[in-house]
Amino acid sequence: MNSAKNFSRPLRPLSALIAAGCLAWSLLSPPVFAKNDKIIKPTISNTVEWQTAKIIGTPNGGDDWGLSPQEWLRYQQLMQGPRGIYSPGLDPLTALGIEARSAEERLRYAELQVQAERQRVDKELAYQRAYDQAFARLYPEEKVIQISSAQSSPATTQTILRSDGRLAVFVEENCSACVARVQDLQTRKQSFDLYFVGGQGDDERIRRWAILAGIDPGGVRSRRITLNHDDGRWLGLRLGGELPAIVREVNGKWQRQ
C-alpha cells in the first residue's frame, strides 16, 4: 500500500526541475558584467576583479596613513595571512614595509612611517605640555614624573642593584620593544624598577621617555614603579643581549626573565 501511494504522487514537471537547477547555479556562479552592450562571460579572472573592486570601493582606511586604496587592500590581505598571525594588530606602514616587494617600496613605507611617528609624537608632546601645566597649577609642590634620585648618586654604587624581589627593567631611547614591555608590565600591575641606559644623568631624558612610554605617574608616586639612571649597572650585571632586559635576583644571581 505504501508503495502504491508513493507512485500515485504527481511528479514535478521536468521544466520545473530545470528552472530550479538554473536558479541554484545562478546563485553560485560569479556575476556577469555588461560592458559596451557586450556580455562578459563569468571567468575566474573576472570574479577576482569584481571582488577586488568591491573591497576597494569601500571607504579607504588607508587615507590616514597616506596609502592608496590598492595599498590598503594589500595590507588587509597581508594581515589575513601569516603576517597577521606573527604580528597581530601591526600598523599598516610597518606591515607593508616588512612585506615590501622591492627596495623602493621599503623606502617609501619607511619614510611614511617616520612622518606618521613625528606627527604622533608632536601631538602627544603638545598634550603632555598641557597636562604638565594643569598638574603644576593644581599641585605646585609635586612633579608629574619623579626620578628616584636615591638610585642615581654615588659612583661607588653605580654597579649595585638592590635586591628586594622586585623586577629590574633596563631600557634605552628609540626602542619600541622597550616601550611595549614596560606597558605590558603595567597592564599586569607588576611593580618594577626601571633603569634608563645611556641617559647621561639627564633627568629630563628619563622623564620625557617615561611620558612617551605611558608610564603611570600615580604608579611612580606610590613607588610601585621607580625611574632610575642606569649608571653602569647594566654592564655590571654582564648578562649581555639586547634591551629591553627584565631581570630578577634568583638565589643570589641576577637572571633575565
C-alpha atoms as a PDB file:
ATOM      1  CA  MET A   1       0.000   0.000   0.000  1.00  0.00           C
ATOM      2  CA  ASN A   2       2.745   2.428   0.883  1.00  0.00           C
ATOM      3  CA  SER A   3       4.492   1.905  -2.449  1.00  0.00           C
ATOM      4  CA  ALA A   4       1.264   2.489  -4.300  1.00  0.00           C
ATOM      5  CA  LYS A   5       0.741   5.730  -2.501  1.00  0.00           C
ATOM      6  CA  ASN A   6       4.257   6.827  -3.364  1.00  0.00           C
ATOM      7  CA  PHE A   7       3.753   6.124  -7.074  1.00  0.00           C
ATOM      8  CA  SER A   8       0.422   7.932  -7.027  1.00  0.00           C
ATOM      9  CA  ARG A   9       2.062  11.231  -6.125  1.00  0.00           C
ATOM     10  CA  PRO A  10       2.271  13.646  -9.081  1.00  0.00           C
ATOM     11  CA  LEU A  11       5.760  14.043 -10.488  1.00  0.00           C
ATOM     12  CA  ARG A  12       7.288  17.515 -10.749  1.00  0.00           C
ATOM     13  CA  PRO A  13       7.413  18.673 -14.349  1.00  0.00           C
ATOM     14  CA  LEU A  14      10.843  18.410 -15.962  1.00  0.00           C
ATOM     15  CA  SER A  15      10.731  22.126 -16.752  1.00  0.00           C
ATOM     16  CA  ALA A  16      10.373  22.930 -13.034  1.00  0.00           C
ATOM     17  CA  LEU A  17      13.430  20.853 -12.183  1.00  0.00           C
ATOM     18  CA  ILE A  18      15.471  22.593 -14.858  1.00  0.00           C
ATOM     19  CA  ALA A  19      14.347  26.010 -13.618  1.00  0.00           C
ATOM     20  CA  ALA A  20      15.307  25.159 -10.027  1.00  0.00           C
ATOM     21  CA  GLY A  21      18.721  23.959 -11.172  1.00  0.00           C
ATOM     22  CA  CYS A  22      19.323  27.146 -13.127  1.00  0.00           C
ATOM     23  CA  LEU A  23      18.397  29.258 -10.093  1.00  0.00           C
ATOM     24  CA  ALA A  24      20.842  27.382  -7.866  1.00  0.00           C
ATOM     25  CA  TRP A  25      23.621  27.744 -10.454  1.00  0.00           C
ATOM     26  CA  SER A  26      22.975  31.453 -10.804  1.00  0.00           C
ATOM     27  CA  LEU A  27      23.371  31.912  -7.049  1.00  0.00           C
ATOM     28  CA  LEU A  28      26.691  30.065  -7.036  1.00  0.00           C
ATOM     29  CA  SER A  29      28.085  31.497 -10.264  1.00  0.00           C
ATOM     30  CA  PRO A  30      30.183  34.693 -10.441  1.00  0.00           C
ATOM     31  CA  PRO A  31      28.389  37.815 -11.637  1.00  0.00           C
ATOM     32  CA  VAL A  32      28.057  38.640 -15.335  1.00  0.00           C
ATOM     33  CA  PHE A  33      29.168  42.104 -16.365  1.00  0.00           C
ATOM     34  CA  ALA A  34      27.834  44.187 -19.221  1.00  0.00           C
ATOM     35  CA  LYS A  35      30.300  46.472 -20.947  1.00  0.00           C
ATOM     36  CA  ASN A  36      29.540  48.475 -24.069  1.00  0.00           C
ATOM     37  CA  ASP A  37      26.392  46.386 -24.656  1.00  0.00           C
ATOM     38  CA  LYS A  38      28.513  43.221 -24.707  1.00  0.00           C
ATOM     39  CA  ILE A  39      28.210  40.386 -22.278  1.00  0.00           C
ATOM     40  CA  ILE A  40      31.435  39.449 -20.473  1.00  0.00           C
ATOM     41  CA  LYS A  41      31.328  35.763 -19.653  1.00  0.00           C
ATOM     42  CA  PRO A  42      31.985  34.970 -15.998  1.00  0.00           C
ATOM     43  CA  THR A  43      35.518  33.672 -15.528  1.00  0.00           C
ATOM     44  CA  ILE A  44      37.760  33.202 -12.528  1.00  0.00           C
ATOM     45  CA  SER A  45      39.722  36.330 -13.505  1.00  0.00           C
ATOM     46  CA  ASN A  46      36.566  38.447 -13.760  1.00  0.00           C
ATOM     47  CA  THR A  47      35.344  37.163 -10.403  1.00  0.00           C
ATOM     48  CA  VAL A  48      38.602  38.144  -8.672  1.00  0.00           C
ATOM     49  CA  GLU A  49      38.499  41.577 -10.281  1.00  0.00           C
ATOM     50  CA  TRP A  50      34.886  42.041  -9.168  1.00  0.00           C
ATOM     51  CA  GLN A  51      35.721  41.047  -5.584  1.00  0.00           C
ATOM     52  CA  THR A  52      38.745  43.356  -5.553  1.00  0.00           C
ATOM     53  CA  ALA A  53      36.697  46.240  -6.944  1.00  0.00           C
ATOM     54  CA  LYS A  54      34.064  45.623  -4.286  1.00  0.00           C
ATOM     55  CA  ILE A  55      36.639  45.831  -1.484  1.00  0.00           C
ATOM     56  CA  ILE A  56      38.389  48.862  -2.952  1.00  0.00           C
ATOM     57  CA  GLY A  57      35.031  50.555  -3.359  1.00  0.00           C
ATOM     58  CA  THR A  58      34.574  50.595   0.418  1.00  0.00           C
ATOM     59  CA  PRO A  59      35.855  53.603   2.420  1.00  0.00           C
ATOM     60  CA  ASN A  60      39.633  53.664   2.273  1.00  0.00           C
ATOM     61  CA  GLY A  61      41.039  53.226   5.785  1.00  0.00           C
ATOM     62  CA  GLY A  62      44.486  53.981   4.391  1.00  0.00           C
ATOM     63  CA  ASP A  63      43.810  57.693   3.942  1.00  0.00           C
ATOM     64  CA  ASP A  64      45.106  58.450   7.442  1.00  0.00           C
ATOM     65  CA  TRP A  65      48.323  56.596   6.626  1.00  0.00           C
ATOM     66  CA  GLY A  66      48.929  58.126   3.208  1.00  0.00           C
ATOM     67  CA  LEU A  67      48.096  54.870   1.432  1.00  0.00           C
ATOM     68  CA  SER A  68      46.244  54.285  -1.811  1.00  0.00           C
ATOM     69  CA  PRO A  69      43.169  52.002  -1.925  1.00  0.00           C
ATOM     70  CA  GLN A  70      45.319  49.302  -3.528  1.00  0.00           C
ATOM     71  CA  GLU A  71      47.918  49.560  -0.744  1.00  0.00           C
ATOM     72  CA  TRP A  72      45.205  49.446   1.911  1.00  0.00           C
ATOM     73  CA  LEU A  73      43.783  46.317   0.265  1.00  0.00           C
ATOM     74  CA  ARG A  74      47.231  44.692   0.231  1.00  0.00           C
ATOM     75  CA  TYR A  75      47.612  45.491   3.953  1.00  0.00           C
ATOM     76  CA  GLN A  76      44.271  43.822   4.691  1.00  0.00           C
ATOM     77  CA  GLN A  77      45.290  40.779   2.686  1.00  0.00           C
ATOM     78  CA  LEU A  78      48.644  40.569   4.475  1.00  0.00           C
ATOM     79  CA  MET A  79      47.001  40.689   7.901  1.00  0.00           C
ATOM     80  CA  GLN A  80      44.715  37.817   6.908  1.00  0.00           C
ATOM     81  CA  GLY A  81      47.771  35.656   6.231  1.00  0.00           C
ATOM     82  CA  PRO A  82      50.922  34.670   8.157  1.00  0.00           C
ATOM     83  CA  ARG A  83      51.875  38.301   8.919  1.00  0.00           C
ATOM     84  CA  GLY A  84      48.643  38.756  10.849  1.00  0.00           C
ATOM     85  CA  ILE A  85      49.463  35.676  12.921  1.00  0.00           C
ATOM     86  CA  TYR A  86      53.083  36.671  13.547  1.00  0.00           C
ATOM     87  CA  SER A  87      52.235  40.306  14.330  1.00  0.00           C
ATOM     88  CA  PRO A  88      48.552  40.781  15.257  1.00  0.00           C
ATOM     89  CA  GLY A  89      47.496  44.416  15.341  1.00  0.00           C
ATOM     90  CA  LEU A  90      50.515  45.570  13.347  1.00  0.00           C
ATOM     91  CA  ASP A  91      50.070  49.029  11.848  1.00  0.00           C
ATOM     92  CA  PRO A  92      49.750  49.316   8.040  1.00  0.00           C
ATOM     93  CA  LEU A  93      53.068  51.044   7.358  1.00  0.00           C
ATOM     94  CA  THR A  94      55.131  48.559   9.352  1.00  0.00           C
ATOM     95  CA  ALA A  95      53.313  45.586   7.833  1.00  0.00           C
ATOM     96  CA  LEU A  96      53.727  46.856   4.271  1.00  0.00           C
ATOM     97  CA  GLY A  97      57.345  47.811   4.927  1.00  0.00           C
ATOM     98  CA  ILE A  98      58.241  44.399   6.307  1.00  0.00           C
ATOM     99  CA  GLU A  99      56.488  42.678   3.401  1.00  0.00           C
ATOM    100  CA  ALA A 100      57.779  45.137   0.781  1.00  0.00           C
ATOM    101  CA  ARG A 101      58.337  43.655  -2.666  1.00  0.00           C
ATOM    102  CA  SER A 102      61.211  45.965  -3.588  1.00  0.00           C
ATOM    103  CA  ALA A 103      63.759  48.324  -2.059  1.00  0.00           C
ATOM    104  CA  GLU A 104      61.758  51.263  -3.412  1.00  0.00           C
ATOM    105  CA  GLU A 105      58.600  50.089  -1.638  1.00  0.00           C
ATOM    106  CA  ARG A 106      60.504  49.537   1.607  1.00  0.00           C
ATOM    107  CA  LEU A 107      61.945  53.044   1.493  1.00  0.00           C
ATOM    108  CA  ARG A 108      58.535  54.575   0.730  1.00  0.00           C
ATOM    109  CA  TYR A 109      56.874  52.953   3.734  1.00  0.00           C
ATOM    110  CA  ALA A 110      59.815  53.801   5.987  1.00  0.00           C
ATOM    111  CA  GLU A 111      59.528  57.479   5.040  1.00  0.00           C
ATOM    112  CA  LEU A 112      55.762  57.446   5.559  1.00  0.00           C
ATOM    113  CA  GLN A 113      56.231  55.891   8.973  1.00  0.00           C
ATOM    114  CA  VAL A 114      58.840  58.442  10.023  1.00  0.00           C
ATOM    115  CA  GLN A 115      56.396  61.204   9.097  1.00  0.00           C
ATOM    116  CA  ALA A 116      53.499  59.481  10.882  1.00  0.00           C
ATOM    117  CA  GLU A 117      55.573  58.901  14.027  1.00  0.00           C
ATOM    118  CA  ARG A 118      56.721  62.510  14.017  1.00  0.00           C
ATOM    119  CA  GLN A 119      53.123  63.727  13.852  1.00  0.00           C
ATOM    120  CA  ARG A 120      52.076  61.326  16.605  1.00  0.00           C
ATOM    121  CA  VAL A 121      54.903  62.382  18.927  1.00  0.00           C
ATOM    122  CA  ASP A 122      54.235  66.088  18.279  1.00  0.00           C
ATOM    123  CA  LYS A 123      50.568  65.620  19.231  1.00  0.00           C
ATOM    124  CA  GLU A 124      51.416  63.621  22.344  1.00  0.00           C
ATOM    125  CA  LEU A 125      54.041  66.115  23.470  1.00  0.00           C
ATOM    126  CA  ALA A 126      51.625  69.017  22.918  1.00  0.00           C
ATOM    127  CA  TYR A 127      49.030  67.308  25.085  1.00  0.00           C
ATOM    128  CA  GLN A 128      51.653  66.358  27.666  1.00  0.00           C
ATOM    129  CA  ARG A 129      52.712  70.012  27.952  1.00  0.00           C
ATOM    130  CA  ALA A 130      49.093  70.964  28.576  1.00  0.00           C
ATOM    131  CA  TYR A 131      48.849  68.170  31.161  1.00  0.00           C
ATOM    132  CA  ASP A 132      52.049  69.320  32.871  1.00  0.00           C
ATOM    133  CA  GLN A 133      50.751  72.894  33.068  1.00  0.00           C
ATOM    134  CA  ALA A 134      47.487  71.715  34.604  1.00  0.00           C
ATOM    135  CA  PHE A 135      49.334  69.484  37.069  1.00  0.00           C
ATOM    136  CA  ALA A 136      51.722  72.288  38.075  1.00  0.00           C
ATOM    137  CA  ARG A 137      48.784  74.609  38.666  1.00  0.00           C
ATOM    138  CA  LEU A 138      46.836  72.098  40.751  1.00  0.00           C
ATOM    139  CA  TYR A 139      49.791  70.511  42.575  1.00  0.00           C
ATOM    140  CA  PRO A 140      52.594  73.119  42.575  1.00  0.00           C
ATOM    141  CA  GLU A 141      54.766  71.200  45.054  1.00  0.00           C
ATOM    142  CA  GLU A 142      54.961  67.962  43.048  1.00  0.00           C
ATOM    143  CA  LYS A 143      56.467  66.831  39.758  1.00  0.00           C
ATOM    144  CA  VAL A 144      54.401  64.797  37.318  1.00  0.00           C
ATOM    145  CA  ILE A 145      57.130  62.153  36.993  1.00  0.00           C
ATOM    146  CA  GLN A 146      59.559  61.802  39.872  1.00  0.00           C
ATOM    147  CA  ILE A 147      63.059  60.484  39.278  1.00  0.00           C
ATOM    148  CA  SER A 148      64.325  58.184  42.023  1.00  0.00           C
ATOM    149  CA  SER A 149      67.410  60.240  42.886  1.00  0.00           C
ATOM    150  CA  ALA A 150      68.496  57.774  45.558  1.00  0.00           C
ATOM    151  CA  GLN A 151      69.226  55.294  42.780  1.00  0.00           C
ATOM    152  CA  SER A 152      71.491  57.529  40.735  1.00  0.00           C
ATOM    153  CA  SER A 153      74.028  59.068  43.005  1.00  0.00           C
ATOM    154  CA  PRO A 154      77.436  57.999  44.240  1.00  0.00           C
ATOM    155  CA  ALA A 155      79.932  56.411  41.891  1.00  0.00           C
ATOM    156  CA  THR A 156      80.576  53.705  44.497  1.00  0.00           C
ATOM    157  CA  THR A 157      77.079  52.318  43.961  1.00  0.00           C
ATOM    158  CA  GLN A 158      76.995  52.531  40.181  1.00  0.00           C
ATOM    159  CA  THR A 159      77.034  48.789  39.609  1.00  0.00           C
ATOM    160  CA  ILE A 160      74.999  47.814  42.666  1.00  0.00           C
ATOM    161  CA  LEU A 161      71.462  46.690  42.043  1.00  0.00           C
ATOM    162  CA  ARG A 162      69.193  46.450  45.040  1.00  0.00           C
ATOM    163  CA  SER A 163      67.728  43.037  45.719  1.00  0.00           C
ATOM    164  CA  ASP A 164      64.275  43.070  47.272  1.00  0.00           C
ATOM    165  CA  GLY A 165      62.435  40.682  44.972  1.00  0.00           C
ATOM    166  CA  ARG A 166      61.358  43.391  42.523  1.00  0.00           C
ATOM    167  CA  LEU A 167      61.970  43.245  38.802  1.00  0.00           C
ATOM    168  CA  ALA A 168      64.671  45.462  37.337  1.00  0.00           C
ATOM    169  CA  VAL A 169      63.877  46.677  33.824  1.00  0.00           C
ATOM    170  CA  PHE A 170      66.644  48.127  31.639  1.00  0.00           C
ATOM    171  CA  VAL A 171      65.552  50.289  28.702  1.00  0.00           C
ATOM    172  CA  GLU A 172      67.006  52.789  26.269  1.00  0.00           C
ATOM    173  CA  GLU A 173      65.862  55.528  23.910  1.00  0.00           C
ATOM    174  CA  ASN A 174      64.490  54.766  20.446  1.00  0.00           C
ATOM    175  CA  CYS A 175      63.448  51.282  21.492  1.00  0.00           C
ATOM    176  CA  SER A 176      59.860  50.370  20.635  1.00  0.00           C
ATOM    177  CA  ALA A 177      60.303  46.944  22.233  1.00  0.00           C
ATOM    178  CA  CYS A 178      61.264  48.670  25.497  1.00  0.00           C
ATOM    179  CA  VAL A 179      58.039  50.683  25.436  1.00  0.00           C
ATOM    180  CA  ALA A 180      55.982  47.567  24.701  1.00  0.00           C
ATOM    181  CA  ARG A 181      57.499  45.575  27.579  1.00  0.00           C
ATOM    182  CA  VAL A 182      57.001  48.391  30.069  1.00  0.00           C
ATOM    183  CA  GLN A 183      53.380  48.845  29.008  1.00  0.00           C
ATOM    184  CA  ASP A 184      52.817  45.100  29.364  1.00  0.00           C
ATOM    185  CA  LEU A 185      54.235  45.150  32.912  1.00  0.00           C
ATOM    186  CA  GLN A 186      51.910  48.000  33.816  1.00  0.00           C
ATOM    187  CA  THR A 187      48.921  46.191  32.338  1.00  0.00           C
ATOM    188  CA  ARG A 188      49.739  43.245  34.595  1.00  0.00           C
ATOM    189  CA  LYS A 189      50.061  45.604  37.608  1.00  0.00           C
ATOM    190  CA  GLN A 190      53.657  44.478  38.074  1.00  0.00           C
ATOM    191  CA  SER A 191      55.946  46.521  40.341  1.00  0.00           C
ATOM    192  CA  PHE A 192      59.386  47.216  38.899  1.00  0.00           C
ATOM    193  CA  ASP A 193      62.446  49.452  38.992  1.00  0.00           C
ATOM    194  CA  LEU A 194      63.212  50.966  35.606  1.00  0.00           C
ATOM    195  CA  TYR A 195      66.822  51.778  34.706  1.00  0.00           C
ATOM    196  CA  PHE A 196      67.438  54.116  31.801  1.00  0.00           C
ATOM    197  CA  VAL A 197      70.605  53.189  29.895  1.00  0.00           C
ATOM    198  CA  GLY A 198      72.513  55.972  28.121  1.00  0.00           C
ATOM    199  CA  GLY A 199      70.709  58.871  29.807  1.00  0.00           C
ATOM    200  CA  GLN A 200      73.962  60.614  30.754  1.00  0.00           C
ATOM    201  CA  GLY A 201      72.482  61.599  34.102  1.00  0.00           C
ATOM    202  CA  ASP A 202      69.853  63.827  32.449  1.00  0.00           C
ATOM    203  CA  ASP A 203      66.625  63.614  34.449  1.00  0.00           C
ATOM    204  CA  GLU A 204      64.610  65.227  31.663  1.00  0.00           C
ATOM    205  CA  ARG A 205      65.565  62.489  29.209  1.00  0.00           C
ATOM    206  CA  ILE A 206      64.177  59.844  31.548  1.00  0.00           C
ATOM    207  CA  ARG A 207      61.102  61.924  32.276  1.00  0.00           C
ATOM    208  CA  ARG A 208      60.428  62.513  28.578  1.00  0.00           C
ATOM    209  CA  TRP A 209      60.885  58.805  27.795  1.00  0.00           C
ATOM    210  CA  ALA A 210      58.562  57.832  30.641  1.00  0.00           C
ATOM    211  CA  ILE A 211      55.868  60.196  29.382  1.00  0.00           C
ATOM    212  CA  LEU A 212      56.048  58.917  25.810  1.00  0.00           C
ATOM    213  CA  ALA A 213      56.107  55.316  27.049  1.00  0.00           C
ATOM    214  CA  GLY A 214      52.929  55.893  29.025  1.00  0.00           C
ATOM    215  CA  ILE A 215      54.397  55.396  32.500  1.00  0.00           C
ATOM    216  CA  ASP A 216      51.633  55.956  35.042  1.00  0.00           C
ATOM    217  CA  PRO A 217      52.546  58.995  37.217  1.00  0.00           C
ATOM    218  CA  GLY A 218      50.436  57.550  40.023  1.00  0.00           C
ATOM    219  CA  GLY A 219      52.486  54.359  39.967  1.00  0.00           C
ATOM    220  CA  VAL A 220      55.682  56.416  40.213  1.00  0.00           C
ATOM    221  CA  ARG A 221      54.371  58.497  43.112  1.00  0.00           C
ATOM    222  CA  SER A 222      53.332  55.364  45.000  1.00  0.00           C
ATOM    223  CA  ARG A 223      56.767  53.812  44.313  1.00  0.00           C
ATOM    224  CA  ARG A 224      55.194  50.830  42.567  1.00  0.00           C
ATOM    225  CA  ILE A 225      57.406  51.992  39.695  1.00  0.00           C
ATOM    226  CA  THR A 226      60.731  53.758  40.150  1.00  0.00           C
ATOM    227  CA  LEU A 227      62.680  55.602  37.458  1.00  0.00           C
ATOM    228  CA  ASN A 228      66.447  55.476  37.752  1.00  0.00           C
ATOM    229  CA  HIS A 229      69.605  56.303  35.847  1.00  0.00           C
ATOM    230  CA  ASP A 230      71.432  53.129  34.877  1.00  0.00           C
ATOM    231  CA  ASP A 231      74.858  54.499  35.893  1.00  0.00           C
ATOM    232  CA  GLY A 232      76.642  51.407  34.590  1.00  0.00           C
ATOM    233  CA  ARG A 233      74.506  48.826  36.355  1.00  0.00           C
ATOM    234  CA  TRP A 234      73.563  47.011  33.156  1.00  0.00           C
ATOM    235  CA  LEU A 235      77.179  46.496  32.146  1.00  0.00           C
ATOM    236  CA  GLY A 236      77.959  45.468  35.707  1.00  0.00           C
ATOM    237  CA  LEU A 237      75.475  42.602  35.520  1.00  0.00           C
ATOM    238  CA  ARG A 238      77.328  41.145  32.489  1.00  0.00           C
ATOM    239  CA  LEU A 239      74.210  39.405  31.226  1.00  0.00           C
ATOM    240  CA  GLY A 240      74.600  40.541  27.633  1.00  0.00           C
ATOM    241  CA  GLY A 241      71.914  40.616  24.977  1.00  0.00           C
ATOM    242  CA  GLU A 242      69.774  43.424  23.632  1.00  0.00           C
ATOM    243  CA  LEU A 243      67.457  45.730  25.519  1.00  0.00           C
ATOM    244  CA  PRO A 244      64.890  45.694  26.938  1.00  0.00           C
ATOM    245  CA  ALA A 245      66.103  43.394  29.674  1.00  0.00           C
ATOM    246  CA  ILE A 246      63.917  42.310  32.573  1.00  0.00           C
ATOM    247  CA  VAL A 247      65.973  40.768  35.360  1.00  0.00           C
ATOM    248  CA  ARG A 248      65.346  39.381  38.838  1.00  0.00           C
ATOM    249  CA  GLU A 249      67.685  38.068  41.503  1.00  0.00           C
ATOM    250  CA  VAL A 250      67.321  34.326  41.990  1.00  0.00           C
ATOM    251  CA  ASN A 251      69.442  32.577  44.665  1.00  0.00           C
ATOM    252  CA  GLY A 252      71.863  35.492  44.778  1.00  0.00           C
ATOM    253  CA  LYS A 253      72.281  35.757  40.994  1.00  0.00           C
ATOM    254  CA  TRP A 254      70.576  38.136  38.569  1.00  0.00           C
ATOM    255  CA  GLN A 255      68.829  36.375  35.713  1.00  0.00           C
ATOM    256  CA  ARG A 256      66.918  37.589  32.665  1.00  0.00           C
ATOM    257  CA  GLN A 257      63.221  36.861  32.840  1.00  0.00           C
END
